Amino acid sequence: MQFVVRDVARLFQVSEKMIHRWIDPRLVPAYRIITTYDTEQA
């Protein structure tokens, strides 16, 4: 399943900047596809 940062921010009701903060130190399992991130399903 693929989400863009905007979708994840809406889902968690936080800013897009906060999602980037979670992704940068690998707090959220994600990988970059061109200019978007793809999350891994648990």
PDB file of N, CA and C in Angstrom:
ATOM      1  N   MET A   1       0.842  -1.166   0.000  1.00  0.00           N
ATOM      2  CA  MET A   1       0.000   0.000   0.000  1.00  0.00           C
ATOM      3  C   MET A   1       0.894   1.238   0.000  1.00  0.00           C
ATOM      4  N   GLN A   2       0.560   2.193  -0.821  1.00  0.00           N
ATOM      5  CA  GLN A   2       1.378   3.395  -0.921  1.00  0.00           C
ATOM      6  C   GLN A   2       0.617   4.611  -0.404  1.00  0.00           C
ATOM      7  N   PHE A   3       1.339   5.437   0.330  1.00  0.00           N
ATOM      8  CA  PHE A   3       0.798   6.692   0.836  1.00  0.00           C
ATOM      9  C   PHE A   3       1.793   7.791   0.536  1.00  0.00           C
ATOM     10  N   VAL A   4       1.302   8.967   0.316  1.00  0.00           N
ATOM     11  CA  VAL A   4       2.187  10.132   0.248  1.00  0.00           C
ATOM     12  C   VAL A   4       2.184  10.761   1.633  1.00  0.00           C
ATOM     13  N   VAL A   5       3.157  11.592   1.892  1.00  0.00           N
ATOM     14  CA  VAL A   5       3.306  12.212   3.210  1.00  0.00           C
ATOM     15  C   VAL A   5       2.016  12.915   3.620  1.00  0.00           C
ATOM     16  N   ARG A   6       1.365  13.584   2.700  1.00  0.00           N
ATOM     17  CA  ARG A   6       0.133  14.308   3.003  1.00  0.00           C
ATOM     18  C   ARG A   6      -0.943  13.353   3.550  1.00  0.00           C
ATOM     19  N   ASP A   7      -1.071  12.172   2.935  1.00  0.00           N
ATOM     20  CA  ASP A   7      -2.064  11.195   3.392  1.00  0.00           C
ATOM     21  C   ASP A   7      -1.778  10.722   4.816  1.00  0.00           C
ATOM     22  N   VAL A   8      -0.517  10.430   5.091  1.00  0.00           N
ATOM     23  CA  VAL A   8      -0.139   9.952   6.421  1.00  0.00           C
ATOM     24  C   VAL A   8      -0.355  11.054   7.461  1.00  0.00           C
ATOM     25  N   ALA A   9      -0.033  12.284   7.104  1.00  0.00           N
ATOM     26  CA  ALA A   9      -0.235  13.407   8.028  1.00  0.00           C
ATOM     27  C   ALA A   9      -1.711  13.555   8.377  1.00  0.00           C
ATOM     28  N   ARG A  10      -2.572  13.430   7.390  1.00  0.00           N
ATOM     29  CA  ARG A  10      -4.018  13.519   7.661  1.00  0.00           C
ATOM     30  C   ARG A  10      -4.471  12.354   8.535  1.00  0.00           C
ATOM     31  N   LEU A  11      -3.986  11.169   8.245  1.00  0.00           N
ATOM     32  CA  LEU A  11      -4.365   9.979   9.004  1.00  0.00           C
ATOM     33  C   LEU A  11      -4.017  10.124  10.485  1.00  0.00           C
ATOM     34  N   PHE A  12      -2.814  10.641  10.773  1.00  0.00           N
ATOM     35  CA  PHE A  12      -2.362  10.804  12.153  1.00  0.00           C
ATOM     36  C   PHE A  12      -2.685  12.179  12.732  1.00  0.00           C
ATOM     37  N   GLN A  13      -3.290  13.035  11.927  1.00  0.00           N
ATOM     38  CA  GLN A  13      -3.662  14.388  12.342  1.00  0.00           C
ATOM     39  C   GLN A  13      -2.464  15.173  12.878  1.00  0.00           C
ATOM     40  N   VAL A  14      -1.385  15.124  12.108  1.00  0.00           N
ATOM     41  CA  VAL A  14      -0.179  15.894  12.408  1.00  0.00           C
ATOM     42  C   VAL A  14       0.252  16.600  11.131  1.00  0.00           C
ATOM     43  N   SER A  15       1.244  17.458  11.240  1.00  0.00           N
ATOM     44  CA  SER A  15       1.719  18.184  10.065  1.00  0.00           C
ATOM     45  C   SER A  15       2.601  17.282   9.185  1.00  0.00           C
ATOM     46  N   GLU A  16       2.731  17.667   7.928  1.00  0.00           N
ATOM     47  CA  GLU A  16       3.622  16.941   7.022  1.00  0.00           C
ATOM     48  C   GLU A  16       5.059  17.006   7.534  1.00  0.00           C
ATOM     49  N   LYS A  17       5.415  18.126   8.138  1.00  0.00           N
ATOM     50  CA  LYS A  17       6.760  18.284   8.688  1.00  0.00           C
ATOM     51  C   LYS A  17       7.022  17.234   9.771  1.00  0.00           C
ATOM     52  N   MET A  18       6.012  16.953  10.595  1.00  0.00           N
ATOM     53  CA  MET A  18       6.160  15.958  11.647  1.00  0.00           C
ATOM     54  C   MET A  18       6.389  14.566  11.035  1.00  0.00           C
ATOM     55  N   ILE A  19       5.699  14.249   9.967  1.00  0.00           N
ATOM     56  CA  ILE A  19       5.886  12.958   9.306  1.00  0.00           C
ATOM     57  C   ILE A  19       7.326  12.834   8.808  1.00  0.00           C
ATOM     58  N   HIS A  20       7.848  13.908   8.231  1.00  0.00           N
ATOM     59  CA  HIS A  20       9.250  13.889   7.777  1.00  0.00           C
ATOM     60  C   HIS A  20      10.197  13.690   8.958  1.00  0.00           C
ATOM     61  N   ARG A  21       9.876  14.263  10.104  1.00  0.00           N
ATOM     62  CA  ARG A  21      10.709  14.075  11.301  1.00  0.00           C
ATOM     63  C   ARG A  21      10.706  12.607  11.732  1.00  0.00           C
ATOM     64  N   TRP A  22       9.566  11.951  11.591  1.00  0.00           N
ATOM     65  CA  TRP A  22       9.472  10.535  11.956  1.00  0.00           C
ATOM     66  C   TRP A  22      10.221   9.666  10.962  1.00  0.00           C
ATOM     67  N   ILE A  23      10.165  10.023   9.693  1.00  0.00           N
ATOM     68  CA  ILE A  23      10.813   9.221   8.649  1.00  0.00           C
ATOM     69  C   ILE A  23      12.332   9.378   8.703  1.00  0.00           C
ATOM     70  N   ASP A  24      12.824  10.592   8.867  1.00  0.00           N
ATOM     71  CA  ASP A  24      14.268  10.845   8.816  1.00  0.00           C
ATOM     72  C   ASP A  24      15.074   9.966   9.772  1.00  0.00           C
ATOM     73  N   PRO A  25      14.708   9.853  11.047  1.00  0.00           N
ATOM     74  CA  PRO A  25      15.486   8.972  11.938  1.00  0.00           C
ATOM     75  C   PRO A  25      14.986   7.524  11.912  1.00  0.00           C
ATOM     76  N   ARG A  26      14.175   7.191  10.929  1.00  0.00           N
ATOM     77  CA  ARG A  26      13.669   5.823  10.741  1.00  0.00           C
ATOM     78  C   ARG A  26      12.704   5.384  11.845  1.00  0.00           C
ATOM     79  N   LEU A  27      11.938   6.320  12.394  1.00  0.00           N
ATOM     80  CA  LEU A  27      10.926   5.970  13.385  1.00  0.00           C
ATOM     81  C   LEU A  27       9.721   5.318  12.714  1.00  0.00           C
ATOM     82  N   VAL A  28       9.553   5.603  11.437  1.00  0.00           N
ATOM     83  CA  VAL A  28       8.474   5.007  10.641  1.00  0.00           C
ATOM     84  C   VAL A  28       9.139   4.222   9.516  1.00  0.00           C
ATOM     85  N   PRO A  29       8.816   2.922   9.368  1.00  0.00           N
ATOM     86  CA  PRO A  29       9.417   2.151   8.279  1.00  0.00           C
ATOM     87  C   PRO A  29       8.891   2.641   6.932  1.00  0.00           C
ATOM     88  N   ALA A  30       9.771   3.244   6.143  1.00  0.00           N
ATOM     89  CA  ALA A  30       9.368   3.798   4.853  1.00  0.00           C
ATOM     90  C   ALA A  30      10.566   3.840   3.926  1.00  0.00           C
ATOM     91  N   TYR A  31      10.296   3.871   2.656  1.00  0.00           N
ATOM     92  CA  TYR A  31      11.362   4.076   1.693  1.00  0.00           C
ATOM     93  C   TYR A  31      10.885   5.013   0.611  1.00  0.00           C
ATOM     94  N   ARG A  32      11.829   5.692  -0.006  1.00  0.00           N
ATOM     95  CA  ARG A  32      11.518   6.740  -0.955  1.00  0.00           C
ATOM     96  C   ARG A  32      11.378   6.180  -2.359  1.00  0.00           C
ATOM     97  N   ILE A  33      10.314   6.589  -3.017  1.00  0.00           N
ATOM     98  CA  ILE A  33      10.103   6.245  -4.425  1.00  0.00           C
ATOM     99  C   ILE A  33      10.016   7.568  -5.173  1.00  0.00           C
ATOM    100  N   ILE A  34      11.052   7.899  -5.883  1.00  0.00           N
ATOM    101  CA  ILE A  34      11.193   9.171  -6.590  1.00  0.00           C
ATOM    102  C   ILE A  34      11.014  10.319  -5.591  1.00  0.00           C
ATOM    103  N   THR A  35       9.813  10.881  -5.451  1.00  0.00           N
ATOM    104  CA  THR A  35       9.614  11.985  -4.501  1.00  0.00           C
ATOM    105  C   THR A  35       8.566  11.645  -3.453  1.00  0.00           C
ATOM    106  N   THR A  36       8.204  10.376  -3.345  1.00  0.00           N
ATOM    107  CA  THR A  36       7.221   9.976  -2.332  1.00  0.00           C
ATOM    108  C   THR A  36       7.822   8.882  -1.468  1.00  0.00           C
ATOM    109  N   TYR A  37       7.166   8.602  -0.373  1.00  0.00           N
ATOM    110  CA  TYR A  37       7.593   7.519   0.505  1.00  0.00           C
ATOM    111  C   TYR A  37       6.551   6.424   0.441  1.00  0.00           C
ATOM    112  N   ASP A  38       6.997   5.190   0.556  1.00  0.00           N
ATOM    113  CA  ASP A  38       6.104   4.044   0.579  1.00  0.00           C
ATOM    114  C   ASP A  38       6.277   3.357   1.925  1.00  0.00           C
ATOM    115  N   THR A  39       5.185   3.112   2.616  1.00  0.00           N
ATOM    116  CA  THR A  39       5.270   2.472   3.924  1.00  0.00           C
ATOM    117  C   THR A  39       5.199   0.960   3.778  1.00  0.00           C
ATOM    118  N   GLU A  40       5.779   0.262   4.742  1.00  0.00           N
ATOM    119  CA  GLU A  40       5.717  -1.186   4.757  1.00  0.00           C
ATOM    120  C   GLU A  40       4.571  -1.620   5.645  1.00  0.00           C
ATOM    121  N   GLN A  41       3.807  -2.604   5.183  1.00  0.00           N
ATOM    122  CA  GLN A  41       2.711  -3.104   6.003  1.00  0.00           C
ATOM    123  C   GLN A  41       3.251  -4.039   7.071  1.00  0.00           C
ATOM    124  N   ALA A  42       2.685  -3.949   8.253  1.00  0.00           N
ATOM    125  CA  ALA A  42       3.128  -4.803   9.361  1.00  0.00           C
ATOM    126  C   ALA A  42       2.409  -6.130   9.330  1.00  0.00           C
TER     127      ALA A  42
END
